[in-house]
């Protein structure tokens, strides 16, 4: 068995604390880098609200040409970023008979094209 003097014991304990602190700092940097990277890769999107079909249009207006009408409740349409871009000055719409009315639209990507969906007519979240 090896016996250390009190001074040697204190020096070794100090070195061990520093090593532990460096290890914890490295671990924190790794976790932060991983968390940041995964947050940047989060994809936002839209899908049917309450089982209602929704239309993707070429511009934020009901008079703009239709790109597609989404009829399958399992279909999720990506926004193309971690958040959906909004246009609060688009044309006024009513989602469905007796449904919500507004002029807020969300930018999406569909079949290689940029389109717009009426914001209150869809559910929005992570894909």
N, C-alpha and C. Protein backbone atom coordinates (compact mmCIF):
# COMPACT_ATOMS: atom_id res chain seq x y z
N UNK A 1 0.85 -1.16 0.00
CA UNK A 1 0.00 0.00 0.00
C UNK A 1 0.90 1.23 0.00
N UNK A 2 0.53 2.26 -0.77
CA UNK A 2 1.31 3.49 -0.85
C UNK A 2 0.60 4.56 -0.03
N UNK A 3 1.39 5.23 0.80
CA UNK A 3 0.85 6.32 1.61
C UNK A 3 1.34 7.63 1.05
N UNK A 4 0.41 8.62 0.92
CA UNK A 4 0.76 9.94 0.41
C UNK A 4 0.77 10.93 1.55
N UNK A 5 1.68 11.88 1.45
CA UNK A 5 1.65 12.96 2.44
C UNK A 5 0.42 13.80 2.18
N UNK A 6 0.07 14.62 3.16
CA UNK A 6 -1.13 15.46 2.99
C UNK A 6 -0.98 16.39 1.79
N UNK A 7 0.21 16.93 1.55
CA UNK A 7 0.44 17.82 0.40
C UNK A 7 0.27 17.10 -0.92
N UNK A 8 0.84 15.86 -1.00
CA UNK A 8 0.69 15.08 -2.23
C UNK A 8 -0.77 14.70 -2.45
N UNK A 9 -1.45 14.33 -1.39
CA UNK A 9 -2.86 13.98 -1.48
C UNK A 9 -3.68 15.16 -2.01
N UNK A 10 -3.41 16.38 -1.52
CA UNK A 10 -4.13 17.59 -1.95
C UNK A 10 -3.85 17.89 -3.42
N UNK A 11 -2.58 17.71 -3.84
CA UNK A 11 -2.23 17.98 -5.24
C UNK A 11 -2.93 16.99 -6.17
N UNK A 12 -2.95 15.72 -5.83
CA UNK A 12 -3.61 14.71 -6.66
C UNK A 12 -5.12 14.96 -6.70
N UNK A 13 -5.71 15.33 -5.59
CA UNK A 13 -7.15 15.63 -5.57
C UNK A 13 -7.45 16.83 -6.46
N UNK A 14 -6.56 17.83 -6.43
CA UNK A 14 -6.75 19.02 -7.27
C UNK A 14 -6.67 18.65 -8.75
N UNK A 15 -5.70 17.81 -9.10
CA UNK A 15 -5.56 17.36 -10.49
C UNK A 15 -6.80 16.58 -10.91
N UNK A 16 -7.29 15.70 -10.05
CA UNK A 16 -8.48 14.92 -10.38
C UNK A 16 -9.70 15.82 -10.57
N UNK A 17 -9.85 16.85 -9.75
CA UNK A 17 -10.97 17.78 -9.92
C UNK A 17 -10.88 18.50 -11.26
N UNK A 18 -9.66 18.90 -11.65
CA UNK A 18 -9.49 19.58 -12.95
C UNK A 18 -9.83 18.64 -14.11
N UNK A 19 -9.36 17.40 -14.02
CA UNK A 19 -9.66 16.42 -15.07
C UNK A 19 -11.17 16.20 -15.16
N UNK A 20 -11.81 16.08 -14.02
CA UNK A 20 -13.27 15.89 -14.01
C UNK A 20 -13.97 17.11 -14.61
N UNK A 21 -13.50 18.31 -14.29
CA UNK A 21 -14.11 19.53 -14.82
C UNK A 21 -13.95 19.60 -16.34
N UNK A 22 -12.77 19.24 -16.83
CA UNK A 22 -12.54 19.24 -18.28
C UNK A 22 -13.45 18.21 -18.95
N UNK A 23 -13.56 17.03 -18.33
CA UNK A 23 -14.43 16.00 -18.89
C UNK A 23 -15.88 16.45 -18.95
N UNK A 24 -16.36 17.09 -17.90
CA UNK A 24 -17.75 17.58 -17.88
C UNK A 24 -17.95 18.68 -18.91
N UNK A 25 -16.94 19.54 -19.08
CA UNK A 25 -17.04 20.61 -20.08
C UNK A 25 -17.13 20.00 -21.47
N UNK A 26 -16.30 18.99 -21.75
CA UNK A 26 -16.35 18.32 -23.06
C UNK A 26 -17.70 17.66 -23.28
N UNK A 27 -18.22 17.02 -22.25
CA UNK A 27 -19.53 16.38 -22.35
C UNK A 27 -20.60 17.42 -22.64
N UNK A 28 -20.57 18.55 -21.96
CA UNK A 28 -21.55 19.61 -22.18
C UNK A 28 -21.46 20.15 -23.59
N UNK A 29 -20.24 20.33 -24.10
CA UNK A 29 -20.09 20.82 -25.48
C UNK A 29 -20.64 19.81 -26.47
N UNK A 30 -20.40 18.53 -26.24
CA UNK A 30 -20.92 17.50 -27.12
C UNK A 30 -22.44 17.49 -27.12
N UNK A 31 -23.05 17.54 -25.94
CA UNK A 31 -24.51 17.55 -25.83
C UNK A 31 -25.08 18.79 -26.49
N UNK A 32 -24.47 19.96 -26.28
CA UNK A 32 -24.95 21.20 -26.88
C UNK A 32 -24.86 21.13 -28.39
N UNK A 33 -23.74 20.65 -28.91
CA UNK A 33 -23.59 20.56 -30.36
C UNK A 33 -24.60 19.60 -30.94
N UNK A 34 -24.82 18.47 -30.28
CA UNK A 34 -25.80 17.51 -30.76
C UNK A 34 -27.20 18.09 -30.71
N UNK A 35 -27.55 18.76 -29.62
CA UNK A 35 -28.88 19.35 -29.48
C UNK A 35 -29.11 20.42 -30.52
N UNK A 36 -28.12 21.28 -30.75
CA UNK A 36 -28.26 22.34 -31.73
C UNK A 36 -28.42 21.76 -33.13
N UNK A 37 -27.60 20.77 -33.45
CA UNK A 37 -27.68 20.18 -34.79
C UNK A 37 -29.03 19.53 -35.00
N UNK A 38 -29.54 18.81 -34.00
CA UNK A 38 -30.82 18.15 -34.19
C UNK A 38 -31.96 19.16 -34.24
N UNK A 39 -31.85 20.28 -33.52
CA UNK A 39 -32.89 21.31 -33.57
C UNK A 39 -32.95 21.95 -34.95
N UNK A 40 -31.77 22.10 -35.60
CA UNK A 40 -31.75 22.69 -36.93
C UNK A 40 -32.36 21.75 -37.96
N UNK A 41 -32.35 20.45 -37.68
CA UNK A 41 -32.86 19.47 -38.63
C UNK A 41 -34.34 19.16 -38.43
N UNK A 42 -34.96 19.81 -37.46
CA UNK A 42 -36.38 19.59 -37.22
C UNK A 42 -37.17 20.18 -38.39
N UNK A 43 -38.06 19.39 -38.93
CA UNK A 43 -38.85 19.81 -40.09
C UNK A 43 -40.28 20.11 -39.63
N UNK A 44 -40.74 21.29 -39.93
CA UNK A 44 -42.13 21.65 -39.65
C UNK A 44 -42.98 21.31 -40.87
N UNK A 45 -44.26 21.12 -40.62
CA UNK A 45 -45.15 20.81 -41.73
C UNK A 45 -46.60 20.96 -41.33
N UNK A 46 -47.46 20.65 -42.29
CA UNK A 46 -48.90 20.77 -42.09
C UNK A 46 -49.59 19.49 -42.53
N UNK A 47 -50.80 19.27 -42.01
CA UNK A 47 -51.62 18.12 -42.39
C UNK A 47 -53.08 18.47 -42.14
N UNK A 48 -53.97 17.57 -42.55
CA UNK A 48 -55.41 17.82 -42.44
C UNK A 48 -55.82 18.18 -41.02
N UNK A 49 -56.78 19.08 -40.94
CA UNK A 49 -57.36 19.44 -39.65
C UNK A 49 -58.76 18.86 -39.59
N UNK A 50 -59.01 18.08 -38.56
CA UNK A 50 -60.34 17.49 -38.34
C UNK A 50 -60.87 16.73 -39.56
N UNK A 51 -59.96 16.12 -40.33
CA UNK A 51 -60.38 15.30 -41.47
C UNK A 51 -60.79 16.08 -42.71
N UNK A 52 -60.52 17.39 -42.75
CA UNK A 52 -60.90 18.21 -43.91
C UNK A 52 -59.74 18.28 -44.92
N UNK A 53 -60.07 18.09 -46.20
CA UNK A 53 -59.08 18.27 -47.26
C UNK A 53 -58.60 19.72 -47.23
N UNK A 54 -57.38 19.95 -47.75
CA UNK A 54 -56.91 21.33 -47.88
C UNK A 54 -56.20 21.50 -49.22
N UNK A 55 -56.15 22.74 -49.67
CA UNK A 55 -55.60 23.06 -50.98
C UNK A 55 -54.29 23.81 -50.84
N UNK A 56 -53.32 23.43 -51.67
CA UNK A 56 -52.05 24.15 -51.76
C UNK A 56 -52.16 25.04 -52.98
N UNK A 57 -51.92 26.33 -52.81
CA UNK A 57 -52.06 27.29 -53.91
C UNK A 57 -50.72 27.95 -54.24
N UNK A 58 -50.64 28.47 -55.45
CA UNK A 58 -49.41 29.10 -55.94
C UNK A 58 -49.11 30.42 -55.24
N UNK A 59 -50.11 31.06 -54.68
CA UNK A 59 -49.94 32.32 -53.93
C UNK A 59 -50.91 32.30 -52.76
N UNK A 60 -50.74 33.21 -51.83
CA UNK A 60 -51.57 33.26 -50.62
C UNK A 60 -52.92 33.92 -50.90
N UNK A 61 -53.70 33.24 -51.74
CA UNK A 61 -55.00 33.76 -52.13
C UNK A 61 -55.86 32.63 -52.67
N UNK A 62 -57.16 32.68 -52.42
CA UNK A 62 -58.05 31.64 -52.95
C UNK A 62 -58.22 31.78 -54.46
N UNK A 63 -57.85 32.92 -55.02
CA UNK A 63 -57.93 33.08 -56.48
C UNK A 63 -56.66 32.60 -57.19
N UNK A 64 -55.62 32.27 -56.44
CA UNK A 64 -54.38 31.76 -57.04
C UNK A 64 -54.61 30.33 -57.53
N UNK A 65 -53.83 29.93 -58.52
CA UNK A 65 -53.99 28.58 -59.07
C UNK A 65 -53.67 27.51 -58.03
N UNK A 66 -54.37 26.38 -58.17
CA UNK A 66 -54.17 25.25 -57.26
C UNK A 66 -52.95 24.45 -57.70
N UNK A 67 -52.11 24.14 -56.74
CA UNK A 67 -50.99 23.23 -56.99
C UNK A 67 -51.44 21.81 -56.71
N UNK A 68 -52.19 21.63 -55.62
CA UNK A 68 -52.71 20.30 -55.25
C UNK A 68 -53.79 20.46 -54.20
N UNK A 69 -54.63 19.43 -54.10
CA UNK A 69 -55.58 19.32 -52.99
C UNK A 69 -55.22 18.05 -52.25
N UNK A 70 -54.96 18.17 -50.96
CA UNK A 70 -54.55 17.03 -50.14
C UNK A 70 -55.79 16.39 -49.54
N UNK A 71 -56.06 15.15 -49.97
CA UNK A 71 -57.25 14.43 -49.54
C UNK A 71 -56.95 13.31 -48.56
N UNK A 72 -55.71 12.84 -48.54
CA UNK A 72 -55.31 11.73 -47.67
C UNK A 72 -54.95 12.27 -46.28
N UNK A 73 -55.65 11.83 -45.24
CA UNK A 73 -55.37 12.34 -43.89
C UNK A 73 -53.97 11.99 -43.36
N UNK A 74 -53.31 11.02 -43.99
CA UNK A 74 -51.95 10.64 -43.55
C UNK A 74 -50.87 11.50 -44.20
N UNK A 75 -51.23 12.31 -45.19
CA UNK A 75 -50.24 13.11 -45.90
C UNK A 75 -49.81 14.30 -45.07
N UNK A 76 -48.49 14.45 -44.95
CA UNK A 76 -47.90 15.58 -44.24
C UNK A 76 -47.09 16.38 -45.25
N UNK A 77 -47.31 17.68 -45.28
CA UNK A 77 -46.67 18.55 -46.26
C UNK A 77 -45.63 19.41 -45.55
N UNK A 78 -44.35 19.31 -45.94
CA UNK A 78 -43.30 20.08 -45.26
C UNK A 78 -43.35 21.56 -45.59
N UNK A 79 -42.92 22.35 -44.62
CA UNK A 79 -42.83 23.80 -44.82
C UNK A 79 -41.49 24.18 -45.47
N UNK A 80 -40.52 23.29 -45.45
CA UNK A 80 -39.23 23.58 -46.07
C UNK A 80 -38.24 24.17 -45.09
N UNK A 81 -38.60 24.31 -43.83
CA UNK A 81 -37.70 24.85 -42.80
C UNK A 81 -38.16 24.34 -41.45
N UNK A 82 -37.43 24.74 -40.41
CA UNK A 82 -37.81 24.31 -39.06
C UNK A 82 -39.07 25.02 -38.58
N UNK A 83 -39.42 26.12 -39.23
CA UNK A 83 -40.65 26.84 -38.91
C UNK A 83 -41.38 27.16 -40.22
N UNK A 84 -42.67 27.28 -40.16
CA UNK A 84 -43.46 27.63 -41.35
C UNK A 84 -43.48 29.15 -41.49
N UNK A 85 -43.17 29.62 -42.70
CA UNK A 85 -43.23 31.06 -42.97
C UNK A 85 -44.69 31.45 -43.11
N UNK A 86 -45.06 32.57 -42.50
CA UNK A 86 -46.45 33.04 -42.52
C UNK A 86 -46.60 34.25 -43.44
N UNK A 87 -47.80 34.39 -43.98
CA UNK A 87 -48.19 35.59 -44.72
C UNK A 87 -49.53 36.01 -44.13
N UNK A 88 -49.50 37.02 -43.28
CA UNK A 88 -50.72 37.49 -42.61
C UNK A 88 -51.54 38.44 -43.47
N UNK A 89 -51.06 38.75 -44.65
CA UNK A 89 -51.76 39.68 -45.54
C UNK A 89 -52.27 39.01 -46.79
N UNK A 90 -52.44 37.69 -46.73
CA UNK A 90 -52.96 36.98 -47.90
C UNK A 90 -54.45 37.22 -48.06
N UNK A 91 -54.98 36.60 -49.07
CA UNK A 91 -56.41 36.74 -49.33
C UNK A 91 -57.25 36.07 -48.26
N UNK A 92 -58.45 36.57 -48.07
CA UNK A 92 -59.37 36.02 -47.07
C UNK A 92 -59.91 34.68 -47.54
N UNK A 93 -60.09 33.77 -46.60
CA UNK A 93 -60.61 32.44 -46.92
C UNK A 93 -61.55 31.96 -45.81
N UNK A 94 -62.36 30.96 -46.16
CA UNK A 94 -63.14 30.19 -45.20
C UNK A 94 -62.74 28.74 -45.42
N UNK A 95 -62.33 28.07 -44.36
CA UNK A 95 -61.78 26.71 -44.50
C UNK A 95 -62.77 25.72 -45.09
N UNK A 96 -63.96 25.67 -44.53
CA UNK A 96 -65.02 24.78 -45.00
C UNK A 96 -66.32 25.40 -44.53
N UNK A 97 -67.41 24.90 -45.00
CA UNK A 97 -68.71 25.48 -44.64
C UNK A 97 -68.85 25.52 -43.11
N UNK A 98 -68.96 26.71 -42.58
CA UNK A 98 -69.06 26.90 -41.13
C UNK A 98 -67.72 26.86 -40.42
N UNK A 99 -66.64 26.72 -41.18
CA UNK A 99 -65.29 26.63 -40.60
C UNK A 99 -64.67 28.00 -40.37
N UNK A 100 -63.44 28.02 -39.88
CA UNK A 100 -62.75 29.27 -39.58
C UNK A 100 -62.53 30.13 -40.83
N UNK A 101 -62.48 31.44 -40.61
CA UNK A 101 -62.21 32.41 -41.67
C UNK A 101 -61.05 33.29 -41.23
N UNK A 102 -60.12 33.57 -42.16
CA UNK A 102 -58.96 34.41 -41.83
C UNK A 102 -58.25 34.81 -43.13
N UNK A 103 -57.09 35.46 -42.98
CA UNK A 103 -56.26 35.79 -44.14
C UNK A 103 -54.80 35.40 -43.88
N UNK A 104 -54.56 34.47 -42.97
CA UNK A 104 -53.23 34.02 -42.60
C UNK A 104 -52.89 32.74 -43.37
N UNK A 105 -51.75 32.74 -44.07
CA UNK A 105 -51.34 31.62 -44.91
C UNK A 105 -49.97 31.11 -44.49
N UNK A 106 -49.67 29.84 -44.81
CA UNK A 106 -48.38 29.21 -44.50
C UNK A 106 -47.71 28.74 -45.78
N UNK A 107 -46.42 29.00 -45.89
CA UNK A 107 -45.64 28.59 -47.05
C UNK A 107 -45.21 27.13 -46.90
N UNK A 108 -45.43 26.32 -47.95
CA UNK A 108 -45.08 24.90 -47.94
C UNK A 108 -44.34 24.51 -49.22
N UNK A 109 -43.81 23.29 -49.23
CA UNK A 109 -43.16 22.73 -50.42
C UNK A 109 -43.93 21.48 -50.84
N UNK A 110 -44.27 21.40 -52.11
CA UNK A 110 -45.01 20.24 -52.62
C UNK A 110 -44.53 19.94 -54.03
N UNK A 111 -44.08 18.73 -54.26
CA UNK A 111 -43.64 18.27 -55.58
C UNK A 111 -42.65 19.25 -56.22
N UNK A 112 -41.71 19.73 -55.40
CA UNK A 112 -40.68 20.64 -55.91
C UNK A 112 -41.14 22.07 -56.10
N UNK A 113 -42.35 22.38 -55.72
CA UNK A 113 -42.89 23.73 -55.88
C UNK A 113 -43.15 24.37 -54.53
N UNK A 114 -43.06 25.69 -54.48
CA UNK A 114 -43.44 26.44 -53.29
C UNK A 114 -44.91 26.78 -53.41
N UNK A 115 -45.65 26.57 -52.34
CA UNK A 115 -47.07 26.88 -52.35
C UNK A 115 -47.51 27.46 -51.02
N UNK A 116 -48.79 27.74 -50.92
CA UNK A 116 -49.37 28.35 -49.72
C UNK A 116 -50.63 27.60 -49.32
N UNK A 117 -50.81 27.41 -48.01
CA UNK A 117 -52.03 26.81 -47.48
C UNK A 117 -52.65 27.76 -46.47
N UNK A 118 -53.96 27.75 -46.40
CA UNK A 118 -54.68 28.58 -45.43
C UNK A 118 -54.36 28.07 -44.02
N UNK A 119 -53.80 28.92 -43.18
CA UNK A 119 -53.25 28.51 -41.89
C UNK A 119 -54.28 27.88 -40.95
N UNK A 120 -55.48 28.40 -40.90
CA UNK A 120 -56.48 27.86 -39.96
C UNK A 120 -57.14 26.59 -40.47
N UNK A 121 -56.85 26.22 -41.72
CA UNK A 121 -57.46 25.03 -42.32
C UNK A 121 -56.62 23.77 -42.13
N UNK A 122 -55.46 23.89 -41.51
CA UNK A 122 -54.55 22.76 -41.33
C UNK A 122 -54.03 22.73 -39.89
N UNK A 123 -53.55 21.57 -39.49
CA UNK A 123 -52.80 21.46 -38.24
C UNK A 123 -51.33 21.62 -38.60
N UNK A 124 -50.57 22.21 -37.69
CA UNK A 124 -49.16 22.52 -37.93
C UNK A 124 -48.32 21.92 -36.80
N UNK A 125 -47.15 21.40 -37.18
CA UNK A 125 -46.26 20.86 -36.15
C UNK A 125 -45.03 20.25 -36.77
N UNK A 126 -44.31 19.46 -35.94
CA UNK A 126 -43.11 18.76 -36.41
C UNK A 126 -43.51 17.55 -37.23
N UNK A 127 -42.74 17.31 -38.27
CA UNK A 127 -42.98 16.11 -39.10
C UNK A 127 -42.11 14.97 -38.59
